[in-house]
Amino acid sequence: MITVLDIDIDLFVDPRTSGKSGRKGGRVLKVASWAPESVCDWITRSLGLECGEKIPGSVLETHEQLLSELVEIDQPVHLYHLDAHSDLGFGQDCYEFHSEFLAIEKDQRRARMKDFKPNEGNFLLFAIACGYISRIDYVTHPDLWLRNYDIPAGMDVWDDSQRNSGSLHLRRFSGTHEEYENKQGDYQFDCSVPVTVYHRDRFKAPEIQFDRLYITRSPRYTPEESDQVVDVLRGVFIED
């Protein structure tokens, strides 16, 4: 199994943005990016990586590009998903995914995935449904803590009273689009993946060897200052 460290730089933007905030030149306003040295310190403290300890990987522009990397890896991935968004389709109309994509036989889904045009807000649904992901450790933004973690209702099944450890369940929907929007119709279990959710400011990774590192710019959710953070992290931690 491959362990992938997946960092969306919007995790280090305060307050968290939904991408609908005021914008200038396509970038969000009235939010503050952490300084590069602060993010490097967090990575060293929370992930146990030393400055200059480089991991094979690359910088991505938008997060759905990670799907192509998972296809290339072509084996189950333990994903450390560090992101201010779950990327599980929260707030999006995922009717086609739940009613049509999940109706495809599992051994045919990978070949059909591009037909459904995964985007940066829902690509993890496709990664799970296609069997690319074996486990997710999701480090989320403090603004989401103990709310819903940006996880769609009905997908989370928690094993503990803290509601941060359990599994994500994908369910196939049978019914009309109108029924889907009104949370009616019939759902049938399709697959699941274990998940644990962590608070950004309290996270401490176990001793672990990361096999790949991907850092995403996510310009829709970050100010221009975040680009400098990405460039610094690339030079310090990524072996291109």
Protein backbone atom coordinates (compact mmCIF):
# COMPACT_ATOMS: atom_id res chain seq x y z
CA MET A 1 0.00 0.00 0.00
CA ILE A 2 1.20 3.50 -0.88
CA THR A 3 0.90 6.38 1.60
CA VAL A 4 0.18 9.71 -0.08
CA LEU A 5 0.45 13.10 1.59
CA ASP A 6 -2.04 15.38 -0.15
CA ILE A 7 -1.82 19.04 0.91
CA ASP A 8 -4.26 21.62 -0.40
CA ILE A 9 -2.74 24.97 0.48
CA ASP A 10 -6.18 26.37 1.32
CA LEU A 11 -5.86 24.59 4.67
CA PHE A 12 -3.48 27.41 5.60
CA VAL A 13 -5.87 30.27 4.77
CA ASP A 14 -7.91 31.97 7.49
CA PRO A 15 -10.81 32.26 7.62
CA ARG A 16 -11.78 29.25 5.53
CA THR A 17 -13.34 30.21 2.21
CA SER A 18 -16.03 28.44 0.21
CA GLY A 19 -14.79 30.02 -3.01
CA LYS A 20 -17.82 32.32 -3.13
CA SER A 21 -16.17 35.20 -1.29
CA GLY A 22 -15.30 38.53 -2.88
CA ARG A 23 -12.78 38.08 -5.66
CA LYS A 24 -10.20 39.99 -7.65
CA GLY A 25 -8.60 38.52 -10.75
CA GLY A 26 -10.11 35.14 -9.89
CA ARG A 27 -8.59 35.06 -6.39
CA VAL A 28 -10.40 35.37 -3.07
CA LEU A 29 -10.23 38.54 -0.97
CA LYS A 30 -10.47 39.30 2.76
CA VAL A 31 -8.64 36.13 3.77
CA ALA A 32 -5.09 35.73 5.03
CA SER A 33 -2.55 33.13 3.94
CA TRP A 34 -0.06 31.81 6.43
CA ALA A 35 3.53 32.85 5.82
CA PRO A 36 5.77 30.22 4.16
CA GLU A 37 7.89 29.78 7.29
CA SER A 38 4.77 29.18 9.40
CA VAL A 39 3.56 26.42 7.07
CA CYS A 40 7.03 24.84 7.04
CA ASP A 41 7.05 24.90 10.84
CA TRP A 42 3.61 23.26 10.92
CA ILE A 43 4.73 20.52 8.55
CA THR A 44 7.80 19.83 10.65
CA ARG A 45 5.86 19.85 13.92
CA SER A 46 2.69 18.06 12.80
CA LEU A 47 3.94 15.69 10.10
CA GLY A 48 7.44 15.01 11.39
CA LEU A 49 9.12 16.05 8.14
CA GLU A 50 12.44 17.84 8.34
CA CYS A 51 13.21 20.79 6.06
CA GLY A 52 15.02 19.41 3.04
CA GLU A 53 13.55 15.93 3.52
CA LYS A 54 12.23 15.55 0.00
CA ILE A 55 9.49 13.19 -1.15
CA PRO A 56 8.66 12.27 -4.78
CA GLY A 57 5.66 14.23 -6.00
CA SER A 58 4.53 17.41 -7.70
CA VAL A 59 2.54 20.62 -7.46
CA LEU A 60 -1.03 20.52 -8.80
CA GLU A 61 -3.03 23.51 -9.96
CA THR A 62 -6.48 22.21 -9.00
CA HIS A 63 -7.26 19.27 -6.78
CA GLU A 64 -9.03 16.94 -9.20
CA GLN A 65 -5.64 16.55 -10.91
CA LEU A 66 -4.78 14.20 -8.06
CA LEU A 67 -7.01 11.60 -9.73
CA SER A 68 -4.52 11.24 -12.58
CA GLU A 69 -1.76 10.64 -10.04
CA LEU A 70 -3.81 7.94 -8.32
CA VAL A 71 -4.38 6.26 -11.68
CA GLU A 72 -0.61 6.20 -12.26
CA ILE A 73 0.08 4.76 -8.79
CA ASP A 74 -2.45 2.01 -9.57
CA GLN A 75 -2.55 0.44 -6.10
CA PRO A 76 -4.56 1.14 -2.93
CA VAL A 77 -3.61 4.44 -1.34
CA HIS A 78 -3.70 5.48 2.29
CA LEU A 79 -4.49 9.16 1.74
CA TYR A 80 -3.57 11.91 4.18
CA HIS A 81 -5.98 14.55 2.90
CA LEU A 82 -5.03 17.97 4.31
CA ASP A 83 -7.68 20.35 3.05
CA ALA A 84 -10.16 23.05 4.05
CA HIS A 85 -12.76 21.08 2.02
CA SER A 86 -13.66 17.40 2.00
CA ASP A 87 -13.85 17.21 -1.82
CA LEU A 88 -16.76 14.80 -1.39
CA GLY A 89 -19.31 16.84 -3.29
CA PHE A 90 -20.76 18.81 -0.38
CA GLY A 91 -23.02 21.56 -1.71
CA GLN A 92 -22.91 20.19 -5.26
CA ASP A 93 -25.52 18.39 -7.29
CA CYS A 94 -24.06 14.86 -7.39
CA TYR A 95 -27.16 13.19 -8.81
CA GLU A 96 -25.31 11.74 -11.81
CA PHE A 97 -22.60 10.32 -9.59
CA HIS A 98 -24.99 8.61 -7.17
CA SER A 99 -27.56 7.45 -9.71
CA GLU A 100 -25.49 6.74 -12.84
CA PHE A 101 -21.82 6.33 -11.99
CA LEU A 102 -22.48 4.03 -9.03
CA ALA A 103 -24.75 1.96 -11.29
CA ILE A 104 -21.71 1.02 -13.39
CA GLU A 105 -20.09 -2.31 -12.53
CA LYS A 106 -17.09 -1.72 -10.29
CA ASP A 107 -14.62 -3.29 -12.69
CA GLN A 108 -15.74 -0.86 -15.43
CA ARG A 109 -15.77 2.39 -13.45
CA ARG A 110 -12.16 3.38 -14.02
CA ALA A 111 -12.63 3.27 -17.78
CA ARG A 112 -15.79 5.40 -17.53
CA MET A 113 -14.68 7.91 -14.90
CA LYS A 114 -13.63 10.72 -17.27
CA ASP A 115 -17.08 10.67 -18.89
CA PHE A 116 -18.49 12.09 -15.66
CA LYS A 117 -15.96 14.96 -15.45
CA PRO A 118 -14.84 14.87 -11.80
CA ASN A 119 -14.08 18.33 -10.41
CA GLU A 120 -12.08 19.73 -7.52
CA GLY A 121 -15.13 19.61 -5.25
CA ASN A 122 -16.12 15.97 -5.77
CA PHE A 123 -13.12 14.04 -7.10
CA LEU A 124 -12.71 11.98 -3.92
CA LEU A 125 -16.12 10.40 -4.52
CA PHE A 126 -14.76 8.96 -7.77
CA ALA A 127 -11.46 7.92 -6.19
CA ILE A 128 -13.30 5.94 -3.52
CA ALA A 129 -15.83 4.41 -5.93
CA CYS A 130 -13.04 3.27 -8.25
CA GLY A 131 -11.07 1.62 -5.44
CA TYR A 132 -8.06 3.95 -5.53
CA ILE A 133 -8.39 4.83 -1.84
CA SER A 134 -8.08 2.32 1.02
CA ARG A 135 -8.15 4.79 3.92
CA ILE A 136 -8.46 8.55 4.47
CA ASP A 137 -6.96 10.59 7.28
CA TYR A 138 -8.59 13.98 6.78
CA VAL A 139 -7.03 17.04 8.44
CA THR A 140 -9.60 19.79 8.24
CA HIS A 141 -9.84 23.50 8.90
CA PRO A 142 -10.76 24.67 12.43
CA ASP A 143 -13.77 26.51 10.97
CA LEU A 144 -15.32 23.12 10.17
CA TRP A 145 -14.51 21.35 13.42
CA LEU A 146 -17.48 19.49 14.94
CA ARG A 147 -19.87 20.95 12.39
CA ASN A 148 -20.04 18.55 9.49
CA TYR A 149 -16.41 18.59 8.32
CA ASP A 150 -17.84 19.46 4.86
CA ILE A 151 -18.99 15.82 4.56
CA PRO A 152 -22.43 15.33 2.96
CA ALA A 153 -25.17 14.16 5.31
CA GLY A 154 -25.70 10.40 5.28
CA MET A 155 -22.20 9.61 4.05
CA ASP A 156 -20.54 9.67 7.47
CA VAL A 157 -20.88 6.70 9.83
CA TRP A 158 -19.07 7.37 13.10
CA ASP A 159 -17.77 4.70 15.46
CA ASP A 160 -17.16 6.94 18.47
CA SER A 161 -18.88 9.63 20.50
CA GLN A 162 -16.36 12.20 19.29
CA ARG A 163 -17.78 11.80 15.76
CA ASN A 164 -14.40 11.91 14.08
CA SER A 165 -13.55 8.24 13.47
CA GLY A 166 -15.56 5.82 11.37
CA SER A 167 -16.17 5.35 7.67
CA LEU A 168 -17.48 7.07 4.58
CA HIS A 169 -20.29 5.18 2.85
CA LEU A 170 -21.15 5.62 -0.82
CA ARG A 171 -24.74 4.78 -1.66
CA ARG A 172 -26.33 4.30 -5.05
CA PHE A 173 -29.49 6.37 -5.56
CA SER A 174 -32.60 5.14 -7.35
CA GLY A 175 -35.16 7.79 -8.17
CA THR A 176 -35.74 11.03 -10.03
CA HIS A 177 -33.63 14.16 -9.85
CA GLU A 178 -36.46 15.89 -8.00
CA GLU A 179 -36.55 13.11 -5.40
CA TYR A 180 -32.77 13.38 -5.04
CA GLU A 181 -32.98 17.11 -4.38
CA ASN A 182 -35.75 16.53 -1.82
CA LYS A 183 -33.80 13.73 -0.11
CA GLN A 184 -36.38 11.15 -1.10
CA GLY A 185 -35.99 8.00 -3.19
CA ASP A 186 -34.05 4.84 -2.40
CA TYR A 187 -30.36 4.48 -1.48
CA GLN A 188 -28.43 1.21 -1.54
CA PHE A 189 -24.97 0.67 -0.06
CA ASP A 190 -22.17 0.51 -2.62
CA CYS A 191 -18.82 0.70 -0.81
CA SER A 192 -17.07 2.32 2.12
CA VAL A 193 -13.64 3.50 3.23
CA PRO A 194 -12.31 4.08 6.77
CA VAL A 195 -11.86 7.73 7.76
CA THR A 196 -10.53 9.70 10.69
CA VAL A 197 -10.94 13.48 10.87
CA TYR A 198 -8.43 15.74 12.63
CA HIS A 199 -8.36 19.39 13.68
CA ARG A 200 -5.59 21.28 11.86
CA ASP A 201 -4.26 22.94 15.00
CA ARG A 202 -4.19 19.73 17.07
CA PHE A 203 -2.96 17.24 14.51
CA LYS A 204 0.14 15.15 15.11
CA ALA A 205 0.85 12.39 12.61
CA PRO A 206 2.19 9.02 13.79
CA GLU A 207 5.68 8.10 12.69
CA ILE A 208 5.09 7.29 9.07
CA GLN A 209 6.90 7.19 5.75
CA PHE A 210 5.13 9.16 3.04
CA ASP A 211 5.70 7.69 -0.42
CA ARG A 212 4.31 10.62 -2.43
CA LEU A 213 3.64 14.30 -1.77
CA TYR A 214 1.23 16.45 -3.76
CA ILE A 215 0.61 20.13 -3.03
CA THR A 216 -2.34 21.89 -4.66
CA ARG A 217 -2.57 25.64 -5.31
CA SER A 218 -6.39 25.80 -5.53
CA PRO A 219 -6.54 29.40 -6.84
CA ARG A 220 -10.33 29.49 -6.48
CA TYR A 221 -9.96 29.17 -2.68
CA THR A 222 -6.72 31.03 -1.96
CA PRO A 223 -5.30 34.55 -2.19
CA GLU A 224 -2.30 35.32 -4.39
CA GLU A 225 -0.01 35.19 -1.34
CA SER A 226 -0.59 31.44 -1.13
CA ASP A 227 1.33 30.93 -4.38
CA GLN A 228 4.55 31.90 -2.63
CA VAL A 229 3.84 29.32 0.08
CA VAL A 230 3.44 26.60 -2.54
CA ASP A 231 6.67 27.60 -4.29
CA VAL A 232 8.62 27.50 -1.03
CA LEU A 233 7.19 24.11 -0.01
CA ARG A 234 7.98 22.72 -3.43
CA GLY A 235 11.64 23.65 -3.05
CA VAL A 236 11.87 22.32 0.50
CA PHE A 237 9.85 19.11 0.44
CA ILE A 238 9.20 17.86 -3.12
CA GLU A 239 11.56 15.73 -5.15
CA ASP A 240 10.43 16.56 -8.69
